[in-house]
């Protein structure tokens, strides 16, 4: 009996795609900012970023996984500090992008200025 082969997606396709989604969500929150009407939701989203990036790392392999974990380790404890100085975050995000590109995934990490 013939059983067709089921092709697996490239090993980091999901991790790279999800990384873009999480960077987009973080940038959106930071750009939108907070006011009295959404302060609680704003902080909940930002506090959950470490866990969201960690979840993305768990779906990755090799350099992609390691670079996402480095980004997680380097996230500041205070969202305010990330807003004031995102240099390390952007450097770490760029390293993830380069790892994804090395595997053939053309992605862009969303940032803010």
PDB file of N, CA and C in Angstrom:
ATOM      1  N   UNK A   1       0.843  -1.174   0.000  1.00  0.00           N
ATOM      2  CA  UNK A   1       0.000   0.000   0.000  1.00  0.00           C
ATOM      3  C   UNK A   1       0.896   1.248   0.000  1.00  0.00           C
ATOM      4  N   UNK A   2       0.585   2.155  -0.879  1.00  0.00           N
ATOM      5  CA  UNK A   2       1.358   3.393  -1.011  1.00  0.00           C
ATOM      6  C   UNK A   2       0.917   4.405   0.030  1.00  0.00           C
ATOM      7  N   UNK A   3       1.894   4.921   0.755  1.00  0.00           N
ATOM      8  CA  UNK A   3       1.610   6.002   1.695  1.00  0.00           C
ATOM      9  C   UNK A   3       2.436   7.201   1.264  1.00  0.00           C
ATOM     10  N   UNK A   4       1.757   8.290   0.897  1.00  0.00           N
ATOM     11  CA  UNK A   4       2.509   9.463   0.438  1.00  0.00           C
ATOM     12  C   UNK A   4       3.321  10.068   1.576  1.00  0.00           C
ATOM     13  N   UNK A   5       4.467  10.591   1.178  1.00  0.00           N
ATOM     14  CA  UNK A   5       5.299  11.271   2.167  1.00  0.00           C
ATOM     15  C   UNK A   5       4.680  12.616   2.496  1.00  0.00           C
ATOM     16  N   UNK A   6       4.680  12.921   3.758  1.00  0.00           N
ATOM     17  CA  UNK A   6       4.192  14.220   4.188  1.00  0.00           C
ATOM     18  C   UNK A   6       5.410  15.072   4.486  1.00  0.00           C
ATOM     19  N   UNK A   7       5.543  16.126   3.724  1.00  0.00           N
ATOM     20  CA  UNK A   7       6.704  16.995   3.894  1.00  0.00           C
ATOM     21  C   UNK A   7       6.555  17.823   5.160  1.00  0.00           C
ATOM     22  N   UNK A   8       7.597  17.827   5.932  1.00  0.00           N
ATOM     23  CA  UNK A   8       7.607  18.669   7.119  1.00  0.00           C
ATOM     24  C   UNK A   8       8.006  20.073   6.716  1.00  0.00           C
ATOM     25  N   UNK A   9       7.418  21.075   7.393  1.00  0.00           N
ATOM     26  CA  UNK A   9       7.862  22.437   7.087  1.00  0.00           C
ATOM     27  C   UNK A   9       9.310  22.606   7.535  1.00  0.00           C
ATOM     28  N   UNK A  10      10.020  23.540   6.938  1.00  0.00           N
ATOM     29  CA  UNK A  10      11.406  23.788   7.375  1.00  0.00           C
ATOM     30  C   UNK A  10      11.444  23.980   8.888  1.00  0.00           C
ATOM     31  N   UNK A  11      12.546  23.585   9.494  1.00  0.00           N
ATOM     32  CA  UNK A  11      12.606  23.457  10.948  1.00  0.00           C
ATOM     33  C   UNK A  11      12.312  24.730  11.727  1.00  0.00           C
ATOM     34  N   UNK A  12      12.585  25.879  11.183  1.00  0.00           N
ATOM     35  CA  UNK A  12      12.329  27.113  11.931  1.00  0.00           C
ATOM     36  C   UNK A  12      11.271  28.008  11.298  1.00  0.00           C
ATOM     37  N   UNK A  13      10.492  27.468  10.373  1.00  0.00           N
ATOM     38  CA  UNK A  13       9.465  28.267   9.716  1.00  0.00           C
ATOM     39  C   UNK A  13       8.487  28.842  10.737  1.00  0.00           C
ATOM     40  N   UNK A  14       8.004  28.014  11.639  1.00  0.00           N
ATOM     41  CA  UNK A  14       7.037  28.467  12.635  1.00  0.00           C
ATOM     42  C   UNK A  14       7.661  29.469  13.600  1.00  0.00           C
ATOM     43  N   UNK A  15       8.853  29.190  14.072  1.00  0.00           N
ATOM     44  CA  UNK A  15       9.505  30.090  15.026  1.00  0.00           C
ATOM     45  C   UNK A  15       9.752  31.465  14.403  1.00  0.00           C
ATOM     46  N   UNK A  16      10.227  31.497  13.179  1.00  0.00           N
ATOM     47  CA  UNK A  16      10.504  32.784  12.528  1.00  0.00           C
ATOM     48  C   UNK A  16       9.209  33.555  12.282  1.00  0.00           C
ATOM     49  N   UNK A  17       8.170  32.863  11.854  1.00  0.00           N
ATOM     50  CA  UNK A  17       6.883  33.504  11.604  1.00  0.00           C
ATOM     51  C   UNK A  17       6.292  34.052  12.906  1.00  0.00           C
ATOM     52  N   UNK A  18       6.339  33.255  13.948  1.00  0.00           N
ATOM     53  CA  UNK A  18       5.798  33.696  15.241  1.00  0.00           C
ATOM     54  C   UNK A  18       6.627  34.817  15.845  1.00  0.00           C
ATOM     55  N   UNK A  19       7.919  34.823  15.596  1.00  0.00           N
ATOM     56  CA  UNK A  19       8.771  35.899  16.091  1.00  0.00           C
ATOM     57  C   UNK A  19       8.310  37.242  15.521  1.00  0.00           C
ATOM     58  N   UNK A  20       7.994  37.265  14.229  1.00  0.00           N
ATOM     59  CA  UNK A  20       7.490  38.487  13.605  1.00  0.00           C
ATOM     60  C   UNK A  20       6.191  38.920  14.280  1.00  0.00           C
ATOM     61  N   UNK A  21       5.296  37.985  14.547  1.00  0.00           N
ATOM     62  CA  UNK A  21       4.017  38.310  15.193  1.00  0.00           C
ATOM     63  C   UNK A  21       4.223  38.937  16.568  1.00  0.00           C
ATOM     64  N   UNK A  22       5.145  38.373  17.347  1.00  0.00           N
ATOM     65  CA  UNK A  22       5.368  38.884  18.700  1.00  0.00           C
ATOM     66  C   UNK A  22       6.058  40.252  18.662  1.00  0.00           C
ATOM     67  N   UNK A  23       7.018  40.436  17.756  1.00  0.00           N
ATOM     68  CA  UNK A  23       7.651  41.758  17.665  1.00  0.00           C
ATOM     69  C   UNK A  23       6.627  42.807  17.218  1.00  0.00           C
ATOM     70  N   UNK A  24       5.722  42.409  16.349  1.00  0.00           N
ATOM     71  CA  UNK A  24       4.671  43.325  15.896  1.00  0.00           C
ATOM     72  C   UNK A  24       3.752  43.710  17.058  1.00  0.00           C
ATOM     73  N   UNK A  25       3.344  42.739  17.857  1.00  0.00           N
ATOM     74  CA  UNK A  25       2.467  43.022  19.004  1.00  0.00           C
ATOM     75  C   UNK A  25       3.152  43.951  20.009  1.00  0.00           C
ATOM     76  N   UNK A  26       4.431  43.705  20.262  1.00  0.00           N
ATOM     77  CA  UNK A  26       5.170  44.548  21.199  1.00  0.00           C
ATOM     78  C   UNK A  26       5.288  45.972  20.658  1.00  0.00           C
ATOM     79  N   UNK A  27       5.659  46.112  19.397  1.00  0.00           N
ATOM     80  CA  UNK A  27       5.800  47.442  18.803  1.00  0.00           C
ATOM     81  C   UNK A  27       4.470  48.184  18.804  1.00  0.00           C
ATOM     82  N   UNK A  28       3.404  47.486  18.490  1.00  0.00           N
ATOM     83  CA  UNK A  28       2.081  48.112  18.486  1.00  0.00           C
ATOM     84  C   UNK A  28       1.741  48.663  19.857  1.00  0.00           C
ATOM     85  N   UNK A  29       1.973  47.889  20.895  1.00  0.00           N
ATOM     86  CA  UNK A  29       1.678  48.340  22.258  1.00  0.00           C
ATOM     87  C   UNK A  29       2.530  49.540  22.642  1.00  0.00           C
ATOM     88  N   UNK A  30       3.785  49.504  22.306  1.00  0.00           N
ATOM     89  CA  UNK A  30       4.671  50.610  22.684  1.00  0.00           C
ATOM     90  C   UNK A  30       4.305  51.867  21.903  1.00  0.00           C
ATOM     91  N   UNK A  31       3.963  51.731  20.634  1.00  0.00           N
ATOM     92  CA  UNK A  31       3.592  52.886  19.823  1.00  0.00           C
ATOM     93  C   UNK A  31       2.256  53.464  20.280  1.00  0.00           C
ATOM     94  N   UNK A  32       1.288  52.589  20.552  1.00  0.00           N
ATOM     95  CA  UNK A  32      -0.023  53.065  20.990  1.00  0.00           C
ATOM     96  C   UNK A  32       0.046  53.725  22.357  1.00  0.00           C
ATOM     97  N   UNK A  33       0.940  53.225  23.188  1.00  0.00           N
ATOM     98  CA  UNK A  33       1.055  53.785  24.523  1.00  0.00           C
ATOM     99  C   UNK A  33      -0.109  53.398  25.409  1.00  0.00           C
ATOM    100  N   UNK A  34      -0.241  54.109  26.480  1.00  0.00           N
ATOM    101  CA  UNK A  34      -1.256  53.809  27.480  1.00  0.00           C
ATOM    102  C   UNK A  34      -1.948  55.092  27.915  1.00  0.00           C
ATOM    103  N   UNK A  35      -3.205  54.942  28.221  1.00  0.00           N
ATOM    104  CA  UNK A  35      -3.945  56.035  28.852  1.00  0.00           C
ATOM    105  C   UNK A  35      -4.859  55.415  29.903  1.00  0.00           C
ATOM    106  N   UNK A  36      -5.689  56.203  30.523  1.00  0.00           N
ATOM    107  CA  UNK A  36      -6.547  55.682  31.597  1.00  0.00           C
ATOM    108  C   UNK A  36      -7.484  54.583  31.125  1.00  0.00           C
ATOM    109  N   UNK A  37      -7.836  54.597  29.845  1.00  0.00           N
ATOM    110  CA  UNK A  37      -8.804  53.623  29.347  1.00  0.00           C
ATOM    111  C   UNK A  37      -8.202  52.244  29.083  1.00  0.00           C
ATOM    112  N   UNK A  38      -6.899  52.157  28.880  1.00  0.00           N
ATOM    113  CA  UNK A  38      -6.316  50.850  28.544  1.00  0.00           C
ATOM    114  C   UNK A  38      -5.074  50.507  29.364  1.00  0.00           C
ATOM    115  N   UNK A  39      -4.839  51.200  30.446  1.00  0.00           N
ATOM    116  CA  UNK A  39      -3.602  51.013  31.214  1.00  0.00           C
ATOM    117  C   UNK A  39      -3.413  49.566  31.668  1.00  0.00           C
ATOM    118  N   UNK A  40      -4.476  48.937  32.156  1.00  0.00           N
ATOM    119  CA  UNK A  40      -4.363  47.557  32.655  1.00  0.00           C
ATOM    120  C   UNK A  40      -4.050  46.590  31.512  1.00  0.00           C
ATOM    121  N   UNK A  41      -4.751  46.732  30.406  1.00  0.00           N
ATOM    122  CA  UNK A  41      -4.515  45.873  29.241  1.00  0.00           C
ATOM    123  C   UNK A  41      -3.107  46.099  28.686  1.00  0.00           C
ATOM    124  N   UNK A  42      -2.693  47.354  28.636  1.00  0.00           N
ATOM    125  CA  UNK A  42      -1.365  47.710  28.147  1.00  0.00           C
ATOM    126  C   UNK A  42      -0.283  46.996  28.956  1.00  0.00           C
ATOM    127  N   UNK A  43      -0.351  47.088  30.276  1.00  0.00           N
ATOM    128  CA  UNK A  43       0.662  46.475  31.131  1.00  0.00           C
ATOM    129  C   UNK A  43       0.605  44.954  31.056  1.00  0.00           C
ATOM    130  N   UNK A  44      -0.583  44.392  30.973  1.00  0.00           N
ATOM    131  CA  UNK A  44      -0.708  42.930  30.874  1.00  0.00           C
ATOM    132  C   UNK A  44      -0.050  42.422  29.601  1.00  0.00           C
ATOM    133  N   UNK A  45      -0.265  43.124  28.506  1.00  0.00           N
ATOM    134  CA  UNK A  45       0.352  42.718  27.239  1.00  0.00           C
ATOM    135  C   UNK A  45       1.864  42.787  27.332  1.00  0.00           C
ATOM    136  N   UNK A  46       2.370  43.879  27.847  1.00  0.00           N
ATOM    137  CA  UNK A  46       3.816  44.047  27.903  1.00  0.00           C
ATOM    138  C   UNK A  46       4.474  43.088  28.886  1.00  0.00           C
ATOM    139  N   UNK A  47       3.829  42.822  30.010  1.00  0.00           N
ATOM    140  CA  UNK A  47       4.396  41.876  30.974  1.00  0.00           C
ATOM    141  C   UNK A  47       4.431  40.462  30.408  1.00  0.00           C
ATOM    142  N   UNK A  48       3.519  40.158  29.491  1.00  0.00           N
ATOM    143  CA  UNK A  48       3.480  38.829  28.898  1.00  0.00           C
ATOM    144  C   UNK A  48       4.471  38.605  27.775  1.00  0.00           C
ATOM    145  N   UNK A  49       5.195  39.642  27.380  1.00  0.00           N
ATOM    146  CA  UNK A  49       6.107  39.520  26.244  1.00  0.00           C
ATOM    147  C   UNK A  49       7.230  38.520  26.497  1.00  0.00           C
ATOM    148  N   UNK A  50       7.777  38.507  27.687  1.00  0.00           N
ATOM    149  CA  UNK A  50       8.856  37.565  27.992  1.00  0.00           C
ATOM    150  C   UNK A  50       8.368  36.130  27.753  1.00  0.00           C
ATOM    151  N   UNK A  51       7.169  35.823  28.207  1.00  0.00           N
ATOM    152  CA  UNK A  51       6.598  34.496  28.008  1.00  0.00           C
ATOM    153  C   UNK A  51       6.273  34.205  26.558  1.00  0.00           C
ATOM    154  N   UNK A  52       5.796  35.215  25.828  1.00  0.00           N
ATOM    155  CA  UNK A  52       5.477  35.011  24.419  1.00  0.00           C
ATOM    156  C   UNK A  52       6.743  34.750  23.609  1.00  0.00           C
ATOM    157  N   UNK A  53       7.792  35.531  23.857  1.00  0.00           N
ATOM    158  CA  UNK A  53       9.056  35.277  23.162  1.00  0.00           C
ATOM    159  C   UNK A  53       9.618  33.911  23.572  1.00  0.00           C
ATOM    160  N   UNK A  54       9.477  33.551  24.838  1.00  0.00           N
ATOM    161  CA  UNK A  54       9.945  32.247  25.302  1.00  0.00           C
ATOM    162  C   UNK A  54       9.231  31.107  24.597  1.00  0.00           C
ATOM    163  N   UNK A  55       7.925  31.273  24.394  1.00  0.00           N
ATOM    164  CA  UNK A  55       7.157  30.258  23.669  1.00  0.00           C
ATOM    165  C   UNK A  55       7.617  30.115  22.229  1.00  0.00           C
ATOM    166  N   UNK A  56       7.949  31.239  21.608  1.00  0.00           N
ATOM    167  CA  UNK A  56       8.476  31.205  20.242  1.00  0.00           C
ATOM    168  C   UNK A  56       9.806  30.452  20.224  1.00  0.00           C
ATOM    169  N   UNK A  57      10.648  30.733  21.198  1.00  0.00           N
ATOM    170  CA  UNK A  57      11.955  30.054  21.271  1.00  0.00           C
ATOM    171  C   UNK A  57      11.779  28.544  21.371  1.00  0.00           C
ATOM    172  N   UNK A  58      10.785  28.096  22.113  1.00  0.00           N
ATOM    173  CA  UNK A  58      10.565  26.659  22.274  1.00  0.00           C
ATOM    174  C   UNK A  58      10.193  25.981  20.959  1.00  0.00           C
ATOM    175  N   UNK A  59       9.640  26.742  20.018  1.00  0.00           N
ATOM    176  CA  UNK A  59       9.297  26.145  18.724  1.00  0.00           C
ATOM    177  C   UNK A  59      10.473  26.194  17.743  1.00  0.00           C
ATOM    178  N   UNK A  60      11.556  26.822  18.148  1.00  0.00           N
ATOM    179  CA  UNK A  60      12.718  26.958  17.274  1.00  0.00           C
ATOM    180  C   UNK A  60      13.776  25.900  17.517  1.00  0.00           C
ATOM    181  N   UNK A  61      14.756  25.929  16.653  1.00  0.00           N
ATOM    182  CA  UNK A  61      15.896  25.005  16.739  1.00  0.00           C
ATOM    183  C   UNK A  61      17.183  25.772  16.467  1.00  0.00           C
ATOM    184  N   UNK A  62      18.280  25.276  16.982  1.00  0.00           N
ATOM    185  CA  UNK A  62      19.606  25.799  16.649  1.00  0.00           C
ATOM    186  C   UNK A  62      19.786  27.274  16.942  1.00  0.00           C
ATOM    187  N   UNK A  63      20.407  27.974  15.974  1.00  0.00           N
ATOM    188  CA  UNK A  63      20.721  29.395  16.148  1.00  0.00           C
ATOM    189  C   UNK A  63      19.475  30.241  16.380  1.00  0.00           C
ATOM    190  N   UNK A  64      18.394  29.940  15.691  1.00  0.00           N
ATOM    191  CA  UNK A  64      17.167  30.727  15.860  1.00  0.00           C
ATOM    192  C   UNK A  64      16.707  30.640  17.311  1.00  0.00           C
ATOM    193  N   UNK A  65      16.650  29.445  17.833  1.00  0.00           N
ATOM    194  CA  UNK A  65      16.222  29.260  19.230  1.00  0.00           C
ATOM    195  C   UNK A  65      17.162  29.983  20.189  1.00  0.00           C
ATOM    196  N   UNK A  66      18.457  29.792  20.009  1.00  0.00           N
ATOM    197  CA  UNK A  66      19.433  30.403  20.916  1.00  0.00           C
ATOM    198  C   UNK A  66      19.357  31.931  20.880  1.00  0.00           C
ATOM    199  N   UNK A  67      19.165  32.487  19.700  1.00  0.00           N
ATOM    200  CA  UNK A  67      19.116  33.949  19.598  1.00  0.00           C
ATOM    201  C   UNK A  67      17.833  34.508  20.197  1.00  0.00           C
ATOM    202  N   UNK A  68      16.727  33.795  20.061  1.00  0.00           N
ATOM    203  CA  UNK A  68      15.495  34.246  20.715  1.00  0.00           C
ATOM    204  C   UNK A  68      15.650  34.160  22.228  1.00  0.00           C
ATOM    205  N   UNK A  69      16.261  33.092  22.721  1.00  0.00           N
ATOM    206  CA  UNK A  69      16.483  32.968  24.167  1.00  0.00           C
ATOM    207  C   UNK A  69      17.399  34.083  24.685  1.00  0.00           C
ATOM    208  N   UNK A  70      18.377  34.494  23.892  1.00  0.00           N
ATOM    209  CA  UNK A  70      19.234  35.614  24.276  1.00  0.00           C
ATOM    210  C   UNK A  70      18.407  36.889  24.383  1.00  0.00           C
ATOM    211  N   UNK A  71      17.518  37.102  23.416  1.00  0.00           N
ATOM    212  CA  UNK A  71      16.636  38.272  23.471  1.00  0.00           C
ATOM    213  C   UNK A  71      15.811  38.249  24.759  1.00  0.00           C
ATOM    214  N   UNK A  72      15.251  37.091  25.081  1.00  0.00           N
ATOM    215  CA  UNK A  72      14.439  36.958  26.309  1.00  0.00           C
ATOM    216  C   UNK A  72      15.282  37.280  27.536  1.00  0.00           C
ATOM    217  N   UNK A  73      16.475  36.721  27.598  1.00  0.00           N
ATOM    218  CA  UNK A  73      17.360  36.973  28.747  1.00  0.00           C
ATOM    219  C   UNK A  73      17.701  38.448  28.890  1.00  0.00           C
ATOM    220  N   UNK A  74      17.797  39.160  27.774  1.00  0.00           N
ATOM    221  CA  UNK A  74      18.202  40.559  27.801  1.00  0.00           C
ATOM    222  C   UNK A  74      17.048  41.549  27.916  1.00  0.00           C
ATOM    223  N   UNK A  75      15.797  41.057  27.896  1.00  0.00           N
ATOM    224  CA  UNK A  75      14.666  41.978  28.058  1.00  0.00           C
ATOM    225  C   UNK A  75      14.750  42.631  29.436  1.00  0.00           C
ATOM    226  N   UNK A  76      14.557  43.938  29.501  1.00  0.00           N
ATOM    227  CA  UNK A  76      14.597  44.599  30.806  1.00  0.00           C
ATOM    228  C   UNK A  76      13.374  44.216  31.636  1.00  0.00           C
ATOM    229  N   UNK A  77      13.498  44.330  32.938  1.00  0.00           N
ATOM    230  CA  UNK A  77      12.373  44.032  33.818  1.00  0.00           C
ATOM    231  C   UNK A  77      11.270  45.070  33.683  1.00  0.00           C
ATOM    232  N   UNK A  78      11.641  46.270  33.340  1.00  0.00           N
ATOM    233  CA  UNK A  78      10.685  47.364  33.231  1.00  0.00           C
ATOM    234  C   UNK A  78      10.426  47.688  31.766  1.00  0.00           C
ATOM    235  N   UNK A  79       9.161  47.701  31.399  1.00  0.00           N
ATOM    236  CA  UNK A  79       8.784  48.083  30.044  1.00  0.00           C
ATOM    237  C   UNK A  79       9.223  49.514  29.768  1.00  0.00           C
ATOM    238  N   UNK A  80       9.165  50.334  30.773  1.00  0.00           N
ATOM    239  CA  UNK A  80       9.580  51.733  30.635  1.00  0.00           C
ATOM    240  C   UNK A  80      11.035  51.801  30.157  1.00  0.00           C
ATOM    241  N   UNK A  81      11.875  50.941  30.699  1.00  0.00           N
ATOM    242  CA  UNK A  81      13.281  50.928  30.294  1.00  0.00           C
ATOM    243  C   UNK A  81      13.430  50.482  28.839  1.00  0.00           C
ATOM    244  N   UNK A  82      12.594  49.544  28.406  1.00  0.00           N
ATOM    245  CA  UNK A  82      12.640  49.104  27.002  1.00  0.00           C
ATOM    246  C   UNK A  82      12.242  50.250  26.088  1.00  0.00           C
ATOM    247  N   UNK A  83      11.255  51.029  26.500  1.00  0.00           N
ATOM    248  CA  UNK A  83      10.825  52.176  25.700  1.00  0.00           C
ATOM    249  C   UNK A  83      11.929  53.235  25.634  1.00  0.00           C
ATOM    250  N   UNK A  84      12.584  53.486  26.766  1.00  0.00           N
ATOM    251  CA  UNK A  84      13.611  54.528  26.817  1.00  0.00           C
ATOM    252  C   UNK A  84      14.872  54.155  26.047  1.00  0.00           C
ATOM    253  N   UNK A  85      15.263  52.890  26.136  1.00  0.00           N
ATOM    254  CA  UNK A  85      16.487  52.461  25.456  1.00  0.00           C
ATOM    255  C   UNK A  85      16.312  51.036  24.945  1.00  0.00           C
ATOM    256  N   UNK A  86      15.978  50.940  23.685  1.00  0.00           N
ATOM    257  CA  UNK A  86      15.718  49.636  23.081  1.00  0.00           C
ATOM    258  C   UNK A  86      16.902  49.125  22.275  1.00  0.00           C
ATOM    259  N   UNK A  87      18.062  49.706  22.464  1.00  0.00           N
ATOM    260  CA  UNK A  87      19.235  49.335  21.669  1.00  0.00           C
ATOM    261  C   UNK A  87      19.524  47.837  21.750  1.00  0.00           C
ATOM    262  N   UNK A  88      19.578  47.292  22.958  1.00  0.00           N
ATOM    263  CA  UNK A  88      19.865  45.855  23.118  1.00  0.00           C
ATOM    264  C   UNK A  88      18.769  45.003  22.484  1.00  0.00           C
ATOM    265  N   UNK A  89      17.509  45.392  22.683  1.00  0.00           N
ATOM    266  CA  UNK A  89      16.390  44.661  22.099  1.00  0.00           C
ATOM    267  C   UNK A  89      16.517  44.635  20.572  1.00  0.00           C
ATOM    268  N   UNK A  90      16.783  45.798  19.964  1.00  0.00           N
ATOM    269  CA  UNK A  90      16.904  45.851  18.509  1.00  0.00           C
ATOM    270  C   UNK A  90      18.110  45.045  18.017  1.00  0.00           C
ATOM    271  N   UNK A  91      19.209  45.075  18.759  1.00  0.00           N
ATOM    272  CA  UNK A  91      20.368  44.253  18.400  1.00  0.00           C
ATOM    273  C   UNK A  91      20.014  42.770  18.450  1.00  0.00           C
ATOM    274  N   UNK A  92      19.338  42.365  19.527  1.00  0.00           N
ATOM    275  CA  UNK A  92      18.956  40.954  19.687  1.00  0.00           C
ATOM    276  C   UNK A  92      17.941  40.535  18.624  1.00  0.00           C
ATOM    277  N   UNK A  93      16.969  41.399  18.340  1.00  0.00           N
ATOM    278  CA  UNK A  93      15.972  41.092  17.306  1.00  0.00           C
ATOM    279  C   UNK A  93      16.650  40.965  15.941  1.00  0.00           C
ATOM    280  N   UNK A  94      17.617  41.837  15.675  1.00  0.00           N
ATOM    281  CA  UNK A  94      18.369  41.751  14.421  1.00  0.00           C
ATOM    282  C   UNK A  94      19.127  40.437  14.294  1.00  0.00           C
ATOM    283  N   UNK A  95      19.654  39.944  15.414  1.00  0.00           N
ATOM    284  CA  UNK A  95      20.362  38.660  15.399  1.00  0.00           C
ATOM    285  C   UNK A  95      19.404  37.520  15.066  1.00  0.00           C
ATOM    286  N   UNK A  96      18.169  37.589  15.571  1.00  0.00           N
ATOM    287  CA  UNK A  96      17.169  36.565  15.241  1.00  0.00           C
ATOM    288  C   UNK A  96      16.825  36.646  13.762  1.00  0.00           C
ATOM    289  N   UNK A  97      16.620  37.849  13.257  1.00  0.00           N
ATOM    290  CA  UNK A  97      16.309  38.029  11.839  1.00  0.00           C
ATOM    291  C   UNK A  97      17.415  37.420  10.971  1.00  0.00           C
ATOM    292  N   UNK A  98      18.668  37.698  11.318  1.00  0.00           N
ATOM    293  CA  UNK A  98      19.781  37.146  10.531  1.00  0.00           C
ATOM    294  C   UNK A  98      19.807  35.617  10.583  1.00  0.00           C
ATOM    295  N   UNK A  99      19.491  35.033  11.735  1.00  0.00           N
ATOM    296  CA  UNK A  99      19.453  33.571  11.845  1.00  0.00           C
ATOM    297  C   UNK A  99      18.329  33.001  10.982  1.00  0.00           C
ATOM    298  N   UNK A 100      17.189  33.663  10.971  1.00  0.00           N
ATOM    299  CA  UNK A 100      16.078  33.213  10.131  1.00  0.00           C
ATOM    300  C   UNK A 100      16.439  33.362   8.652  1.00  0.00           C
ATOM    301  N   UNK A 101      17.054  34.478   8.305  1.00  0.00           N
ATOM    302  CA  UNK A 101      17.462  34.689   6.913  1.00  0.00           C
ATOM    303  C   UNK A 101      18.475  33.646   6.462  1.00  0.00           C
ATOM    304  N   UNK A 102      19.367  33.238   7.353  1.00  0.00           N
ATOM    305  CA  UNK A 102      20.370  32.221   7.018  1.00  0.00           C
ATOM    306  C   UNK A 102      19.717  30.890   6.670  1.00  0.00           C
ATOM    307  N   UNK A 103      18.501  30.693   7.155  1.00  0.00           N
ATOM    308  CA  UNK A 103      17.775  29.458   6.857  1.00  0.00           C
ATOM    309  C   UNK A 103      16.769  29.647   5.726  1.00  0.00           C
ATOM    310  N   UNK A 104      16.811  30.820   5.085  1.00  0.00           N
ATOM    311  CA  UNK A 104      15.958  31.041   3.931  1.00  0.00           C
ATOM    312  C   UNK A 104      14.642  31.738   4.207  1.00  0.00           C
ATOM    313  N   UNK A 105      14.465  32.278   5.406  1.00  0.00           N
ATOM    314  CA  UNK A 105      13.228  32.975   5.747  1.00  0.00           C
ATOM    315  C   UNK A 105      13.478  34.473   5.747  1.00  0.00           C
ATOM    316  N   UNK A 106      12.826  35.169   4.845  1.00  0.00           N
ATOM    317  CA  UNK A 106      12.984  36.617   4.740  1.00  0.00           C
ATOM    318  C   UNK A 106      11.946  37.263   5.656  1.00  0.00           C
ATOM    319  N   UNK A 107      12.396  37.689   6.835  1.00  0.00           N
ATOM    320  CA  UNK A 107      11.475  38.275   7.808  1.00  0.00           C
ATOM    321  C   UNK A 107      11.970  39.663   8.210  1.00  0.00           C
ATOM    322  N   UNK A 108      11.065  40.407   8.811  1.00  0.00           N
ATOM    323  CA  UNK A 108      11.382  41.716   9.348  1.00  0.00           C
ATOM    324  C   UNK A 108      10.823  41.802  10.763  1.00  0.00           C
ATOM    325  N   UNK A 109      11.688  42.067  11.716  1.00  0.00           N
ATOM    326  CA  UNK A 109      11.228  42.289  13.087  1.00  0.00           C
ATOM    327  C   UNK A 109      10.698  43.706  13.159  1.00  0.00           C
ATOM    328  N   UNK A 110       9.509  43.869  13.690  1.00  0.00           N
ATOM    329  CA  UNK A 110       8.869  45.178  13.751  1.00  0.00           C
ATOM    330  C   UNK A 110       9.421  45.947  14.949  1.00  0.00           C
ATOM    331  N   UNK A 111       9.777  47.195  14.725  1.00  0.00           N
ATOM    332  CA  UNK A 111      10.321  48.027  15.786  1.00  0.00           C
ATOM    333  C   UNK A 111       9.564  49.338  15.897  1.00  0.00           C
ATOM    334  N   UNK A 112      10.097  50.232  16.635  1.00  0.00           N
ATOM    335  CA  UNK A 112       9.511  51.549  16.848  1.00  0.00           C
ATOM    336  C   UNK A 112      10.645  52.558  16.973  1.00  0.00           C
ATOM    337  N   UNK A 113      10.292  53.808  16.903  1.00  0.00           N
ATOM    338  CA  UNK A 113      11.311  54.838  17.087  1.00  0.00           C
ATOM    339  C   UNK A 113      10.716  56.051  17.777  1.00  0.00           C
TER     340      UNK A 113
END
